Structures are given as C-alpha cells and as structure tokens.
Amino acid sequence: MWFQTLALMDLVEHKMPHDVTTQWNSTFNMLAFAILYQSAIDDITADKNGNLCKYELDDDEWKLAVQLHDTLKVRGYPF
C-alpha cells in the first residue's frame, strides 16, 4: 500500500525511518522524512480501510512536527 501510494504521487520509493534510542539524530531523520512525505502519509492514514486513521495528523500536529524538526536541526545539516 505504501509503495503504491508513493508511485501514484510520483514520490521516490523509500521506507520511513524509525526512532532508535541509541542514535541521537534518529528522531530528526524520522521527522524530516515525514515532512517530505506528508502527502503520502496523510493519504494512507486517511484511508479507513487501512485501519490507520488513529495515526492521522491534523494541521496543528503537522505544524508541531515542523517546529520540532527545526528545533532539532543541527546547523549545516542538509534537510
């Protein structure tokens, strides 16, 4: 379902990274990916048949994700 959605949206196929407690920047990497792939994430979580509606983010939650991303950003990091 994920890769089909990415193909329909002409996004590069990539799996979402996950948070790893022993890697200090994994939360930042996960947020950077989520922001870049927001349209695909919104599409999949909005599909009631996928049973992922409980993970759907509203506009305010996406704004918080961007703010957290910007807070965690290391100067000079490419994202």
PDB file of N, CA and C in Angstrom:
ATOM      1  N   MET A   1       0.820  -1.190   0.000  1.00  0.00           N
ATOM      2  CA  MET A   1       0.000   0.000   0.000  1.00  0.00           C
ATOM      3  C   MET A   1       0.869   1.262   0.000  1.00  0.00           C
ATOM      4  N   TRP A   2       1.937   1.270   0.792  1.00  0.00           N
ATOM      5  CA  TRP A   2       2.824   2.428   0.887  1.00  0.00           C
ATOM      6  C   TRP A   2       3.479   2.719  -0.455  1.00  0.00           C
ATOM      7  N   PHE A   3       4.095   1.701  -1.047  1.00  0.00           N
ATOM      8  CA  PHE A   3       4.804   1.909  -2.305  1.00  0.00           C
ATOM      9  C   PHE A   3       3.846   2.233  -3.451  1.00  0.00           C
ATOM     10  N   GLN A   4       2.647   1.706  -3.405  1.00  0.00           N
ATOM     11  CA  GLN A   4       1.638   2.057  -4.424  1.00  0.00           C
ATOM     12  C   GLN A   4       1.266   3.536  -4.319  1.00  0.00           C
ATOM     13  N   THR A   5       1.097   4.006  -3.099  1.00  0.00           N
ATOM     14  CA  THR A   5       0.765   5.411  -2.880  1.00  0.00           C
ATOM     15  C   THR A   5       1.902   6.306  -3.358  1.00  0.00           C
ATOM     16  N   LEU A   6       3.138   5.920  -3.051  1.00  0.00           N
ATOM     17  CA  LEU A   6       4.282   6.715  -3.498  1.00  0.00           C
ATOM     18  C   LEU A   6       4.346   6.777  -5.020  1.00  0.00           C
ATOM     19  N   ALA A   7       4.086   5.658  -5.675  1.00  0.00           N
ATOM     20  CA  ALA A   7       4.109   5.624  -7.144  1.00  0.00           C
ATOM     21  C   ALA A   7       3.030   6.536  -7.723  1.00  0.00           C
ATOM     22  N   LEU A   8       1.838   6.509  -7.143  1.00  0.00           N
ATOM     23  CA  LEU A   8       0.749   7.364  -7.620  1.00  0.00           C
ATOM     24  C   LEU A   8       1.068   8.849  -7.452  1.00  0.00           C
ATOM     25  N   MET A   9       1.851   9.172  -6.429  1.00  0.00           N
ATOM     26  CA  MET A   9       2.183  10.567  -6.138  1.00  0.00           C
ATOM     27  C   MET A   9       3.530  10.980  -6.726  1.00  0.00           C
ATOM     28  N   ASP A  10       4.147  10.096  -7.493  1.00  0.00           N
ATOM     29  CA  ASP A  10       5.463  10.345  -8.097  1.00  0.00           C
ATOM     30  C   ASP A  10       6.522  10.702  -7.054  1.00  0.00           C
ATOM     31  N   LEU A  11       6.483  10.010  -5.923  1.00  0.00           N
ATOM     32  CA  LEU A  11       7.490  10.187  -4.885  1.00  0.00           C
ATOM     33  C   LEU A  11       8.486   9.038  -4.959  1.00  0.00           C
ATOM     34  N   VAL A  12       9.715   9.306  -4.594  1.00  0.00           N
ATOM     35  CA  VAL A  12      10.756   8.282  -4.596  1.00  0.00           C
ATOM     36  C   VAL A  12      10.414   7.215  -3.570  1.00  0.00           C
ATOM     37  N   GLU A  13      10.541   5.946  -3.974  1.00  0.00           N
ATOM     38  CA  GLU A  13      10.251   4.851  -3.043  1.00  0.00           C
ATOM     39  C   GLU A  13      11.291   4.846  -1.927  1.00  0.00           C
ATOM     40  N   HIS A  14      10.805   4.927  -0.735  1.00  0.00           N
ATOM     41  CA  HIS A  14      11.676   4.934   0.436  1.00  0.00           C
ATOM     42  C   HIS A  14      10.860   4.499   1.635  1.00  0.00           C
ATOM     43  N   LYS A  15      11.452   3.697   2.487  1.00  0.00           N
ATOM     44  CA  LYS A  15      10.772   3.306   3.730  1.00  0.00           C
ATOM     45  C   LYS A  15      10.999   4.377   4.785  1.00  0.00           C
ATOM     46  N   MET A  16       9.999   4.548   5.642  1.00  0.00           N
ATOM     47  CA  MET A  16      10.113   5.537   6.707  1.00  0.00           C
ATOM     48  C   MET A  16      11.108   5.050   7.769  1.00  0.00           C
ATOM     49  N   PRO A  17      12.070   5.918   8.133  1.00  0.00           N
ATOM     50  CA  PRO A  17      12.977   5.537   9.222  1.00  0.00           C
ATOM     51  C   PRO A  17      12.220   5.495  10.546  1.00  0.00           C
ATOM     52  N   HIS A  18      12.764   4.780  11.498  1.00  0.00           N
ATOM     53  CA  HIS A  18      12.115   4.723  12.811  1.00  0.00           C
ATOM     54  C   HIS A  18      13.055   5.286  13.864  1.00  0.00           C
ATOM     55  N   ASP A  19      12.497   5.615  14.986  1.00  0.00           N
ATOM     56  CA  ASP A  19      13.240   6.213  16.080  1.00  0.00           C
ATOM     57  C   ASP A  19      14.074   5.142  16.778  1.00  0.00           C
ATOM     58  N   VAL A  20      15.350   5.419  16.971  1.00  0.00           N
ATOM     59  CA  VAL A  20      16.263   4.496  17.645  1.00  0.00           C
ATOM     60  C   VAL A  20      16.871   5.247  18.821  1.00  0.00           C
ATOM     61  N   THR A  21      16.661   4.742  20.014  1.00  0.00           N
ATOM     62  CA  THR A  21      17.099   5.479  21.205  1.00  0.00           C
ATOM     63  C   THR A  21      18.614   5.641  21.289  1.00  0.00           C
ATOM     64  N   THR A  22      19.374   4.769  20.654  1.00  0.00           N
ATOM     65  CA  THR A  22      20.831   4.857  20.735  1.00  0.00           C
ATOM     66  C   THR A  22      21.433   5.729  19.631  1.00  0.00           C
ATOM     67  N   GLN A  23      20.603   6.276  18.765  1.00  0.00           N
ATOM     68  CA  GLN A  23      21.083   7.175  17.710  1.00  0.00           C
ATOM     69  C   GLN A  23      20.474   8.549  17.937  1.00  0.00           C
ATOM     70  N   TRP A  24      21.278   9.508  18.304  1.00  0.00           N
ATOM     71  CA  TRP A  24      20.787  10.815  18.733  1.00  0.00           C
ATOM     72  C   TRP A  24      19.976  11.539  17.667  1.00  0.00           C
ATOM     73  N   ASN A  25      20.254  11.293  16.393  1.00  0.00           N
ATOM     74  CA  ASN A  25      19.576  12.048  15.349  1.00  0.00           C
ATOM     75  C   ASN A  25      18.435  11.292  14.675  1.00  0.00           C
ATOM     76  N   SER A  26      18.056  10.132  15.192  1.00  0.00           N
ATOM     77  CA  SER A  26      17.018   9.344  14.518  1.00  0.00           C
ATOM     78  C   SER A  26      15.650  10.027  14.571  1.00  0.00           C
ATOM     79  N   THR A  27      15.351  10.745  15.636  1.00  0.00           N
ATOM     80  CA  THR A  27      14.073  11.465  15.706  1.00  0.00           C
ATOM     81  C   THR A  27      14.038  12.556  14.644  1.00  0.00           C
ATOM     82  N   PHE A  28      15.138  13.272  14.488  1.00  0.00           N
ATOM     83  CA  PHE A  28      15.219  14.304  13.466  1.00  0.00           C
ATOM     84  C   PHE A  28      15.048  13.696  12.074  1.00  0.00           C
ATOM     85  N   ASN A  29      15.741  12.590  11.807  1.00  0.00           N
ATOM     86  CA  ASN A  29      15.646  11.934  10.499  1.00  0.00           C
ATOM     87  C   ASN A  29      14.220  11.470  10.214  1.00  0.00           C
ATOM     88  N   MET A  30      13.559  10.941  11.223  1.00  0.00           N
ATOM     89  CA  MET A  30      12.184  10.485  11.073  1.00  0.00           C
ATOM     90  C   MET A  30      11.253  11.669  10.773  1.00  0.00           C
ATOM     91  N   LEU A  31      11.439  12.772  11.473  1.00  0.00           N
ATOM     92  CA  LEU A  31      10.623  13.965  11.231  1.00  0.00           C
ATOM     93  C   LEU A  31      10.890  14.553   9.844  1.00  0.00           C
ATOM     94  N   ALA A  32      12.149  14.597   9.430  1.00  0.00           N
ATOM     95  CA  ALA A  32      12.488  15.132   8.108  1.00  0.00           C
ATOM     96  C   ALA A  32      11.807  14.302   7.022  1.00  0.00           C
ATOM     97  N   PHE A  33      11.842  12.989   7.180  1.00  0.00           N
ATOM     98  CA  PHE A  33      11.192  12.111   6.210  1.00  0.00           C
ATOM     99  C   PHE A  33       9.682  12.336   6.208  1.00  0.00           C
ATOM    100  N   ALA A  34       9.087  12.387   7.387  1.00  0.00           N
ATOM    101  CA  ALA A  34       7.628  12.553   7.489  1.00  0.00           C
ATOM    102  C   ALA A  34       7.174  13.860   6.846  1.00  0.00           C
ATOM    103  N   ILE A  35       7.933  14.923   7.027  1.00  0.00           N
ATOM    104  CA  ILE A  35       7.568  16.212   6.439  1.00  0.00           C
ATOM    105  C   ILE A  35       7.667  16.145   4.917  1.00  0.00           C
ATOM    106  N   LEU A  36       8.717  15.518   4.402  1.00  0.00           N
ATOM    107  CA  LEU A  36       8.870  15.380   2.947  1.00  0.00           C
ATOM    108  C   LEU A  36       7.777  14.512   2.328  1.00  0.00           C
ATOM    109  N   TYR A  37       7.342  13.507   3.067  1.00  0.00           N
ATOM    110  CA  TYR A  37       6.344  12.556   2.569  1.00  0.00           C
ATOM    111  C   TYR A  37       4.972  12.779   3.190  1.00  0.00           C
ATOM    112  N   GLN A  38       4.705  13.996   3.640  1.00  0.00           N
ATOM    113  CA  GLN A  38       3.445  14.315   4.324  1.00  0.00           C
ATOM    114  C   GLN A  38       2.225  13.945   3.490  1.00  0.00           C
ATOM    115  N   SER A  39       2.255  14.230   2.202  1.00  0.00           N
ATOM    116  CA  SER A  39       1.081  13.943   1.370  1.00  0.00           C
ATOM    117  C   SER A  39       0.775  12.448   1.331  1.00  0.00           C
ATOM    118  N   ALA A  40       1.796  11.619   1.227  1.00  0.00           N
ATOM    119  CA  ALA A  40       1.585  10.171   1.207  1.00  0.00           C
ATOM    120  C   ALA A  40       1.121   9.664   2.570  1.00  0.00           C
ATOM    121  N   ILE A  41       1.702  10.190   3.624  1.00  0.00           N
ATOM    122  CA  ILE A  41       1.305   9.791   4.976  1.00  0.00           C
ATOM    123  C   ILE A  41      -0.145  10.175   5.232  1.00  0.00           C
ATOM    124  N   ASP A  42      -0.511  11.382   4.846  1.00  0.00           N
ATOM    125  CA  ASP A  42      -1.902  11.829   5.012  1.00  0.00           C
ATOM    126  C   ASP A  42      -2.855  10.937   4.209  1.00  0.00           C
ATOM    127  N   ASP A  43      -2.462  10.583   3.009  1.00  0.00           N
ATOM    128  CA  ASP A  43      -3.309   9.755   2.155  1.00  0.00           C
ATOM    129  C   ASP A  43      -3.539   8.373   2.773  1.00  0.00           C
ATOM    130  N   ILE A  44      -2.497   7.769   3.274  1.00  0.00           N
ATOM    131  CA  ILE A  44      -2.618   6.418   3.843  1.00  0.00           C
ATOM    132  C   ILE A  44      -3.375   6.431   5.163  1.00  0.00           C
ATOM    133  N   THR A  45      -3.099   7.410   6.010  1.00  0.00           N
ATOM    134  CA  THR A  45      -3.784   7.434   7.309  1.00  0.00           C
ATOM    135  C   THR A  45      -5.244   7.860   7.185  1.00  0.00           C
ATOM    136  N   ALA A  46      -5.597   8.520   6.093  1.00  0.00           N
ATOM    137  CA  ALA A  46      -6.990   8.921   5.886  1.00  0.00           C
ATOM    138  C   ALA A  46      -7.849   7.781   5.353  1.00  0.00           C
ATOM    139  N   ASP A  47      -7.229   6.738   4.832  1.00  0.00           N
ATOM    140  CA  ASP A  47      -7.954   5.593   4.258  1.00  0.00           C
ATOM    141  C   ASP A  47      -8.521   4.726   5.384  1.00  0.00           C
ATOM    142  N   LYS A  48      -9.818   4.727   5.527  1.00  0.00           N
ATOM    143  CA  LYS A  48     -10.464   3.960   6.603  1.00  0.00           C
ATOM    144  C   LYS A  48     -10.251   2.456   6.457  1.00  0.00           C
ATOM    145  N   ASN A  49     -10.088   1.979   5.240  1.00  0.00           N
ATOM    146  CA  ASN A  49      -9.868   0.545   5.017  1.00  0.00           C
ATOM    147  C   ASN A  49      -8.503   0.082   5.517  1.00  0.00           C
ATOM    148  N   GLY A  50      -7.546   0.999   5.604  1.00  0.00           N
ATOM    149  CA  GLY A  50      -6.214   0.653   6.074  1.00  0.00           C
ATOM    150  C   GLY A  50      -6.109   0.550   7.579  1.00  0.00           C
ATOM    151  N   ASN A  51      -7.146   0.971   8.293  1.00  0.00           N
ATOM    152  CA  ASN A  51      -7.183   0.903   9.759  1.00  0.00           C
ATOM    153  C   ASN A  51      -6.047   1.701  10.408  1.00  0.00           C
ATOM    154  N   LEU A  52      -5.667   2.809   9.777  1.00  0.00           N
ATOM    155  CA  LEU A  52      -4.603   3.650  10.322  1.00  0.00           C
ATOM    156  C   LEU A  52      -5.096   5.045  10.687  1.00  0.00           C
ATOM    157  N   CYS A  53      -6.402   5.240  10.706  1.00  0.00           N
ATOM    158  CA  CYS A  53      -6.985   6.564  10.973  1.00  0.00           C
ATOM    159  C   CYS A  53      -6.545   7.144  12.314  1.00  0.00           C
ATOM    160  N   LYS A  54      -6.289   6.294  13.276  1.00  0.00           N
ATOM    161  CA  LYS A  54      -5.897   6.795  14.594  1.00  0.00           C
ATOM    162  C   LYS A  54      -4.524   7.470  14.566  1.00  0.00           C
ATOM    163  N   TYR A  55      -3.757   7.267  13.494  1.00  0.00           N
ATOM    164  CA  TYR A  55      -2.436   7.877  13.366  1.00  0.00           C
ATOM    165  C   TYR A  55      -2.444   9.140  12.505  1.00  0.00           C
ATOM    166  N   GLU A  56      -3.618   9.522  12.000  1.00  0.00           N
ATOM    167  CA  GLU A  56      -3.718  10.695  11.136  1.00  0.00           C
ATOM    168  C   GLU A  56      -3.405  11.965  11.927  1.00  0.00           C
ATOM    169  N   LEU A  57      -2.594  12.842  11.348  1.00  0.00           N
ATOM    170  CA  LEU A  57      -2.231  14.098  11.994  1.00  0.00           C
ATOM    171  C   LEU A  57      -3.067  15.234  11.418  1.00  0.00           C
ATOM    172  N   ASP A  58      -3.513  16.135  12.286  1.00  0.00           N
ATOM    173  CA  ASP A  58      -4.221  17.318  11.786  1.00  0.00           C
ATOM    174  C   ASP A  58      -3.187  18.417  11.496  1.00  0.00           C
ATOM    175  N   ASP A  59      -3.646  19.544  10.991  1.00  0.00           N
ATOM    176  CA  ASP A  59      -2.739  20.625  10.596  1.00  0.00           C
ATOM    177  C   ASP A  59      -1.882  21.125  11.754  1.00  0.00           C
ATOM    178  N   ASP A  60      -2.465  21.238  12.942  1.00  0.00           N
ATOM    179  CA  ASP A  60      -1.701  21.698  14.100  1.00  0.00           C
ATOM    180  C   ASP A  60      -0.593  20.713  14.476  1.00  0.00           C
ATOM    181  N   GLU A  61      -0.877  19.425  14.363  1.00  0.00           N
ATOM    182  CA  GLU A  61       0.140  18.417  14.677  1.00  0.00           C
ATOM    183  C   GLU A  61       1.268  18.430  13.650  1.00  0.00           C
ATOM    184  N   TRP A  62       0.928  18.680  12.381  1.00  0.00           N
ATOM    185  CA  TRP A  62       1.981  18.804  11.359  1.00  0.00           C
ATOM    186  C   TRP A  62       2.841  20.041  11.638  1.00  0.00           C
ATOM    187  N   LYS A  63       2.225  21.136  12.081  1.00  0.00           N
ATOM    188  CA  LYS A  63       2.987  22.344  12.427  1.00  0.00           C
ATOM    189  C   LYS A  63       3.946  22.055  13.574  1.00  0.00           C
ATOM    190  N   LEU A  64       3.479  21.296  14.559  1.00  0.00           N
ATOM    191  CA  LEU A  64       4.348  20.913  15.678  1.00  0.00           C
ATOM    192  C   LEU A  64       5.509  20.045  15.201  1.00  0.00           C
ATOM    193  N   ALA A  65       5.240  19.156  14.264  1.00  0.00           N
ATOM    194  CA  ALA A  65       6.298  18.310  13.709  1.00  0.00           C
ATOM    195  C   ALA A  65       7.365  19.160  13.030  1.00  0.00           C
ATOM    196  N   VAL A  66       6.938  20.164  12.288  1.00  0.00           N
ATOM    197  CA  VAL A  66       7.886  21.064  11.620  1.00  0.00           C
ATOM    198  C   VAL A  66       8.683  21.856  12.656  1.00  0.00           C
ATOM    199  N   GLN A  67       8.013  22.339  13.691  1.00  0.00           N
ATOM    200  CA  GLN A  67       8.700  23.097  14.740  1.00  0.00           C
ATOM    201  C   GLN A  67       9.721  22.221  15.470  1.00  0.00           C
ATOM    202  N   LEU A  68       9.354  20.980  15.772  1.00  0.00           N
ATOM    203  CA  LEU A  68      10.285  20.070  16.432  1.00  0.00           C
ATOM    204  C   LEU A  68      11.458  19.768  15.510  1.00  0.00           C
ATOM    205  N   HIS A  69      11.179  19.542  14.241  1.00  0.00           N
ATOM    206  CA  HIS A  69      12.233  19.318  13.247  1.00  0.00           C
ATOM    207  C   HIS A  69      13.217  20.489  13.244  1.00  0.00           C
ATOM    208  N   ASP A  70      12.688  21.705  13.203  1.00  0.00           N
ATOM    209  CA  ASP A  70      13.536  22.896  13.173  1.00  0.00           C
ATOM    210  C   ASP A  70      14.335  23.053  14.459  1.00  0.00           C
ATOM    211  N   THR A  71      13.752  22.665  15.589  1.00  0.00           N
ATOM    212  CA  THR A  71      14.446  22.741  16.872  1.00  0.00           C
ATOM    213  C   THR A  71      15.588  21.740  16.929  1.00  0.00           C
ATOM    214  N   LEU A  72      15.390  20.549  16.401  1.00  0.00           N
ATOM    215  CA  LEU A  72      16.405  19.504  16.445  1.00  0.00           C
ATOM    216  C   LEU A  72      17.463  19.657  15.355  1.00  0.00           C
ATOM    217  N   LYS A  73      17.204  20.532  14.403  1.00  0.00           N
ATOM    218  CA  LYS A  73      18.113  20.692  13.262  1.00  0.00           C
ATOM    219  C   LYS A  73      19.488  21.154  13.719  1.00  0.00           C
ATOM    220  N   VAL A  74      20.491  20.461  13.218  1.00  0.00           N
ATOM    221  CA  VAL A  74      21.875  20.823  13.503  1.00  0.00           C
ATOM    222  C   VAL A  74      22.337  21.777  12.405  1.00  0.00           C
ATOM    223  N   ARG A  75      22.972  22.835  12.786  1.00  0.00           N
ATOM    224  CA  ARG A  75      23.424  23.825  11.803  1.00  0.00           C
ATOM    225  C   ARG A  75      24.280  23.156  10.732  1.00  0.00           C
ATOM    226  N   GLY A  76      23.932  23.418   9.485  1.00  0.00           N
ATOM    227  CA  GLY A  76      24.683  22.865   8.381  1.00  0.00           C
ATOM    228  C   GLY A  76      24.166  21.519   7.890  1.00  0.00           C
ATOM    229  N   TYR A  77      23.139  20.960   8.563  1.00  0.00           N
ATOM    230  CA  TYR A  77      22.590  19.680   8.138  1.00  0.00           C
ATOM    231  C   TYR A  77      21.761  19.912   6.880  1.00  0.00           C
ATOM    232  N   PRO A  78      21.829  19.017   5.899  1.00  0.00           N
ATOM    233  CA  PRO A  78      21.207  19.288   4.602  1.00  0.00           C
ATOM    234  C   PRO A  78      19.688  19.336   4.555  1.00  0.00           C
ATOM    235  N   PHE A  79      18.950  18.828   5.498  1.00  0.00           N
ATOM    236  CA  PHE A  79      17.489  18.828   5.410  1.00  0.00           C
ATOM    237  C   PHE A  79      16.949  20.145   5.906  1.00  0.00           C
TER     238      PHE A  79
END
